[in-house]
Amino acid sequence: MLRAADSPRADIRLRIALHEAELRANQSDDDLLRVHAALASEYEKLGDFGNALRHGQRELTLREHLQGSEHLLTLAARANIAHWTGEAGDRSRARDMCAELLPVVERVLGPNYQGTLRLRNNLALWTGWAGDPAAARKQFAALLSDRERLSGPLHEDTLESRNNLALWTGRAGDPAKARRQLTALLRDEEQALPPDYPLILITRGNLASFAANPNKARRQYAALLPDMERVFGPDHPNTQTVRNLLEHLTRIVNVQVGPGLLTWSENWCEVCGLEEPQDEARPSRFPCSQP
């Protein structure tokens, strides 16, 4: 019997199987476009970014043919491909793809369009993940100012930008300031967002990653893990990262032999040799309606 947390993933796999069967039938380009777009979205939900990228690239080819290179949905497909390229491992390429696309989106859709702001968010994130945290922090500070102006201080997008600004503030060398920013952000998120909202869990993960000592980090990850399993599912990359960090930190704490050993860290993911918990405040989909 499936556990409750597994049921949504089983539903996704069933939809994928049905869509894959559709691809084997003779269909028009319009039908193929619909199916490839749906498959890319479903694979993304599973955290299978390689397959999301494969179907997204086919979707983009069809959209350029059927709708033109500057149609909203074509631009959205390009943005999503950049996202999945980075998630599949090529962060520098994802950064470059976002940088190449941004002036086109600003010209076609305008600087204040939500998709433009989302693309700036993704560009800043991949800039940081490609190795330039100071530039990422600067880009997020500018984006946060625009989102506060356009959407207000407690809008989800504004809260997301605050989360990412704090993350890259810490990774650029100021973990104490990152902790202060994330602590204040968590209070605002808990007031403005529903319980168990994914962004709240992500903020908690980022706060734990900058904890001042391994015992505190371990306690925070231990409290976070059951919520991650319930909301994201036990096999989601976010959940797996938190679980791995908890295991590594437990070993670190258990072998600690005296005061002063591992009592401070810029980032516990780096100490443990693991990837940062996902901050989706992570690159994400271009906001637009699907056909």
Protein backbone atom coordinates (compact mmCIF):
# COMPACT_ATOMS: atom_id res chain seq x y z
CA MET A 1 0.00 0.00 0.00
CA LEU A 2 1.27 3.50 -0.83
CA ARG A 3 2.03 5.85 2.02
CA ALA A 4 0.08 9.10 1.98
CA ALA A 5 3.21 11.05 1.06
CA ASP A 6 3.80 8.76 -1.93
CA SER A 7 0.31 9.09 -3.42
CA PRO A 8 0.91 12.41 -5.25
CA ARG A 9 4.09 11.00 -6.81
CA ALA A 10 2.22 7.86 -7.88
CA ASP A 11 -0.39 10.09 -9.51
CA ILE A 12 2.35 11.97 -11.36
CA ARG A 13 3.90 8.71 -12.61
CA LEU A 14 0.49 7.55 -13.83
CA ARG A 15 0.01 10.78 -15.77
CA ILE A 16 3.48 10.42 -17.25
CA ALA A 17 2.68 6.90 -18.43
CA LEU A 18 -0.51 8.11 -20.07
CA HIS A 19 1.26 10.99 -21.81
CA GLU A 20 4.10 8.72 -22.98
CA ALA A 21 1.46 6.47 -24.53
CA GLU A 22 0.03 9.49 -26.34
CA LEU A 23 3.45 10.18 -27.89
CA ARG A 24 3.43 6.75 -29.50
CA ALA A 25 0.23 7.58 -31.39
CA ASN A 26 0.20 9.53 -34.63
CA GLN A 27 -0.63 13.11 -33.66
CA SER A 28 -0.59 16.61 -35.04
CA ASP A 29 2.11 19.09 -34.06
CA ASP A 30 -0.42 20.84 -31.82
CA ASP A 31 -1.10 17.61 -29.95
CA LEU A 32 2.61 16.81 -29.67
CA LEU A 33 3.23 20.29 -28.29
CA ARG A 34 0.59 19.77 -25.61
CA VAL A 35 1.96 16.37 -24.61
CA HIS A 36 5.63 17.40 -24.48
CA ALA A 37 4.73 20.46 -22.38
CA ALA A 38 2.72 18.29 -20.00
CA LEU A 39 5.51 15.72 -19.70
CA ALA A 40 8.11 18.39 -18.99
CA SER A 41 5.92 19.73 -16.20
CA GLU A 42 5.26 16.30 -14.69
CA TYR A 43 8.93 15.27 -14.74
CA GLU A 44 9.82 18.58 -13.07
CA LYS A 45 7.43 17.75 -10.23
CA LEU A 46 9.32 14.49 -9.70
CA GLY A 47 12.66 16.32 -9.62
CA ASP A 48 13.68 14.47 -12.83
CA PHE A 49 15.19 17.48 -14.57
CA GLY A 50 16.96 15.49 -17.26
CA ASN A 51 13.65 14.25 -18.66
CA ALA A 52 12.01 17.63 -18.05
CA LEU A 53 14.77 19.18 -20.17
CA ARG A 54 14.40 16.56 -22.89
CA HIS A 55 10.68 17.20 -23.30
CA GLY A 56 11.08 20.94 -22.79
CA GLN A 57 13.51 21.15 -25.70
CA ARG A 58 11.03 19.34 -27.93
CA GLU A 59 8.29 21.68 -26.71
CA LEU A 60 10.46 24.71 -27.58
CA THR A 61 11.11 23.46 -31.13
CA LEU A 62 7.39 23.04 -31.69
CA ARG A 63 6.50 26.41 -30.18
CA GLU A 64 9.04 28.23 -32.35
CA HIS A 65 7.56 26.51 -35.40
CA LEU A 66 3.90 27.02 -34.49
CA GLN A 67 3.90 30.27 -32.49
CA GLY A 68 7.07 32.18 -33.34
CA SER A 69 10.24 32.97 -31.44
CA GLU A 70 8.83 35.86 -29.39
CA HIS A 71 5.46 34.45 -28.41
CA LEU A 72 4.91 34.52 -24.65
CA LEU A 73 4.80 30.74 -24.37
CA THR A 74 7.94 30.37 -26.49
CA LEU A 75 9.79 32.73 -24.17
CA ALA A 76 8.42 30.77 -21.23
CA ALA A 77 9.73 27.53 -22.74
CA ARG A 78 13.19 29.07 -23.16
CA ALA A 79 13.17 30.24 -19.53
CA ASN A 80 12.13 26.79 -18.34
CA ILE A 81 14.85 25.11 -20.39
CA ALA A 82 17.42 27.40 -18.78
CA HIS A 83 16.02 26.39 -15.38
CA TRP A 84 16.15 22.67 -16.11
CA THR A 85 19.63 22.97 -17.65
CA GLY A 86 20.90 24.31 -14.35
CA GLU A 87 18.97 21.80 -12.27
CA ALA A 88 20.41 19.01 -14.44
CA GLY A 89 23.92 20.18 -13.51
CA ASP A 90 25.16 22.83 -15.96
CA ARG A 91 24.90 25.95 -13.82
CA SER A 92 27.14 28.18 -15.90
CA ARG A 93 25.17 27.36 -19.03
CA ALA A 94 21.91 28.09 -17.20
CA ARG A 95 23.27 31.49 -16.13
CA ASP A 96 24.32 32.31 -19.68
CA MET A 97 20.96 31.23 -21.11
CA CYS A 98 19.12 33.48 -18.64
CA ALA A 99 21.42 36.39 -19.43
CA GLU A 100 20.84 35.92 -23.16
CA LEU A 101 17.07 35.71 -22.76
CA LEU A 102 16.58 38.61 -20.33
CA PRO A 103 16.94 41.53 -22.81
CA VAL A 104 14.50 39.83 -25.18
CA VAL A 105 11.93 39.39 -22.41
CA GLU A 106 12.40 42.98 -21.21
CA ARG A 107 11.87 44.27 -24.74
CA VAL A 108 8.85 42.09 -25.54
CA LEU A 109 7.09 42.00 -22.17
CA GLY A 110 8.45 45.01 -20.31
CA PRO A 111 10.61 45.35 -17.17
CA ASN A 112 7.71 45.06 -14.71
CA TYR A 113 6.12 41.89 -16.11
CA GLN A 114 6.15 39.06 -13.57
CA GLY A 115 7.94 36.80 -16.03
CA THR A 116 10.72 39.38 -16.40
CA LEU A 117 11.16 39.54 -12.64
CA ARG A 118 11.13 35.75 -12.44
CA LEU A 119 13.84 35.54 -15.06
CA ARG A 120 15.94 38.08 -13.12
CA ASN A 121 15.46 35.86 -10.07
CA ASN A 122 16.71 32.83 -11.98
CA LEU A 123 19.65 34.73 -13.46
CA ALA A 124 20.73 35.85 -9.99
CA LEU A 125 20.44 32.33 -8.61
CA TRP A 126 22.41 30.69 -11.37
CA THR A 127 25.00 33.48 -11.11
CA GLY A 128 25.48 32.50 -7.49
CA TRP A 129 25.43 28.77 -8.10
CA ALA A 130 27.95 29.21 -10.93
CA GLY A 131 30.43 30.64 -8.43
CA ASP A 132 29.85 34.38 -7.95
CA PRO A 133 27.91 34.82 -4.67
CA ALA A 134 28.74 38.53 -4.39
CA ALA A 135 27.20 39.25 -7.79
CA ALA A 136 24.16 37.14 -6.88
CA ARG A 137 23.70 39.12 -3.66
CA LYS A 138 23.85 42.41 -5.59
CA GLN A 139 21.33 41.21 -8.17
CA PHE A 140 18.93 40.03 -5.48
CA ALA A 141 19.14 43.34 -3.62
CA ALA A 142 18.05 45.15 -6.79
CA LEU A 143 15.31 42.60 -7.49
CA LEU A 144 13.97 42.82 -3.94
CA SER A 145 13.60 46.58 -4.25
CA ASP A 146 11.55 46.17 -7.45
CA ARG A 147 9.38 43.41 -6.01
CA GLU A 148 8.59 45.42 -2.89
CA ARG A 149 7.63 48.36 -5.09
CA LEU A 150 5.47 46.32 -7.46
CA SER A 151 3.96 43.65 -5.19
CA GLY A 152 4.26 44.85 -1.60
CA PRO A 153 6.41 43.64 1.32
CA LEU A 154 4.47 40.45 2.14
CA HIS A 155 3.79 39.12 -1.35
CA GLU A 156 5.14 35.62 -1.91
CA ASP A 157 7.55 36.80 -4.61
CA THR A 158 8.93 39.49 -2.30
CA LEU A 159 9.39 36.95 0.50
CA GLU A 160 11.15 34.64 -1.96
CA SER A 161 13.55 37.44 -2.92
CA ARG A 162 14.29 38.13 0.74
CA ASN A 163 15.07 34.44 1.20
CA ASN A 164 17.48 34.42 -1.71
CA LEU A 165 19.11 37.69 -0.70
CA ALA A 166 19.77 36.22 2.75
CA LEU A 167 21.09 32.98 1.25
CA TRP A 168 23.62 34.74 -0.94
CA THR A 169 24.51 37.22 1.77
CA GLY A 170 25.61 34.23 3.82
CA ARG A 171 27.38 32.53 0.97
CA ALA A 172 29.17 35.78 0.12
CA GLY A 173 30.76 35.72 3.57
CA ASP A 174 28.35 37.18 6.14
CA PRO A 175 26.54 34.23 7.79
CA ALA A 176 25.60 36.24 10.89
CA LYS A 177 23.71 38.78 8.78
CA ALA A 178 22.11 35.92 6.82
CA ARG A 179 20.83 34.39 10.08
CA ARG A 180 19.30 37.72 11.14
CA GLN A 181 17.66 38.17 7.73
CA LEU A 182 16.29 34.64 7.66
CA THR A 183 14.98 34.81 11.24
CA ALA A 184 13.04 37.99 10.47
CA LEU A 185 11.85 36.53 7.16
CA LEU A 186 10.55 33.36 8.81
CA ARG A 187 8.38 35.41 11.18
CA ASP A 188 6.87 37.30 8.23
CA GLU A 189 6.33 34.12 6.18
CA GLU A 190 4.52 32.41 9.03
CA GLN A 191 2.16 35.38 9.22
CA ALA A 192 1.62 35.82 5.49
CA LEU A 193 1.61 32.24 4.13
CA PRO A 194 -0.41 29.10 4.91
CA PRO A 195 1.09 26.50 7.26
CA ASP A 196 3.41 24.02 5.54
CA TYR A 197 3.86 26.36 2.59
CA PRO A 198 7.01 25.16 0.76
CA LEU A 199 8.75 28.54 0.97
CA ILE A 200 8.53 28.41 4.77
CA LEU A 201 10.27 25.03 4.78
CA ILE A 202 12.94 26.32 2.42
CA THR A 203 13.61 29.30 4.66
CA ARG A 204 13.91 26.96 7.63
CA GLY A 205 16.42 24.89 5.69
CA ASN A 206 18.49 27.91 4.75
CA LEU A 207 18.41 29.14 8.35
CA ALA A 208 19.67 25.75 9.52
CA SER A 209 22.44 25.85 6.92
CA PHE A 210 23.84 28.99 8.59
CA ALA A 211 23.39 27.80 12.18
CA ALA A 212 26.24 28.93 14.43
CA ASN A 213 27.17 25.43 15.64
CA PRO A 214 26.58 21.80 14.64
CA ASN A 215 24.28 20.99 17.54
CA LYS A 216 21.90 23.79 16.62
CA ALA A 217 22.04 22.90 12.93
CA ARG A 218 21.28 19.27 13.73
CA ARG A 219 18.29 20.19 15.88
CA GLN A 220 16.90 22.46 13.18
CA TYR A 221 17.29 19.84 10.45
CA ALA A 222 15.77 17.15 12.70
CA ALA A 223 12.68 19.31 13.23
CA LEU A 224 12.52 20.14 9.52
CA LEU A 225 12.86 16.64 8.06
CA PRO A 226 9.35 15.28 8.93
CA ASP A 227 7.77 18.40 7.45
CA MET A 228 9.85 18.05 4.29
CA GLU A 229 8.81 14.40 3.94
CA ARG A 230 5.14 15.31 4.36
CA VAL A 231 5.10 18.34 2.03
CA PHE A 232 7.66 17.45 -0.66
CA GLY A 233 7.61 13.65 -0.33
CA PRO A 234 10.34 11.33 1.00
CA ASP A 235 12.22 11.00 -2.29
CA HIS A 236 12.24 14.63 -3.41
CA PRO A 237 15.75 16.14 -3.80
CA ASN A 238 14.94 18.77 -1.15
CA THR A 239 14.03 16.06 1.36
CA GLN A 240 17.02 13.91 0.48
CA THR A 241 19.41 16.83 1.02
CA VAL A 242 17.98 17.62 4.44
CA ARG A 243 18.11 13.93 5.41
CA ASN A 244 21.75 13.65 4.29
CA LEU A 245 22.72 16.81 6.14
CA LEU A 246 21.08 15.54 9.30
CA GLU A 247 22.99 12.25 9.05
CA HIS A 248 26.32 14.00 8.44
CA LEU A 249 25.80 16.49 11.25
CA THR A 250 24.82 13.70 13.63
CA ARG A 251 28.16 12.03 12.92
CA ILE A 252 30.01 15.33 13.37
CA VAL A 253 28.38 15.97 16.73
CA ASN A 254 28.92 12.39 17.89
CA VAL A 255 32.69 12.56 17.23
CA GLN A 256 33.17 16.04 18.66
CA VAL A 257 35.89 15.73 21.31
CA GLY A 258 36.09 19.10 22.94
CA PRO A 259 35.08 22.76 22.98
CA GLY A 260 36.09 24.82 20.00
CA LEU A 261 35.80 22.01 17.44
CA LEU A 262 33.36 22.79 14.63
CA THR A 263 31.60 25.49 16.61
CA TRP A 264 31.04 27.86 13.66
CA SER A 265 30.58 27.49 9.96
CA GLU A 266 29.81 29.68 6.99
CA ASN A 267 27.56 26.93 5.72
CA TRP A 268 27.00 23.40 7.06
CA CYS A 269 26.43 22.04 3.58
CA GLU A 270 30.04 22.91 2.78
CA VAL A 271 31.33 21.28 5.97
CA CYS A 272 29.43 18.10 5.10
CA GLY A 273 30.43 18.22 1.42
CA LEU A 274 26.82 18.32 0.23
CA GLU A 275 24.69 20.47 -2.01
CA GLU A 276 22.75 23.36 -0.51
CA PRO A 277 19.11 22.54 0.33
CA GLN A 278 17.05 23.71 -2.59
CA ASP A 279 16.00 27.32 -2.30
CA GLU A 280 13.06 27.86 -4.47
CA ALA A 281 13.56 30.41 -3.84
CA ARG A 282 15.16 28.21 -6.51
CA PRO A 283 15.06 28.94 -10.21
CA SER A 284 11.52 28.24 -11.28
CA ARG A 285 8.96 28.38 -14.03
CA PHE A 286 8.19 31.47 -16.05
CA PRO A 287 4.67 32.60 -14.99
CA CYS A 288 2.21 32.31 -17.84
CA SER A 289 -0.84 30.32 -18.81
CA GLN A 290 -0.28 27.00 -20.52
CA PRO A 291 -2.30 26.34 -23.69
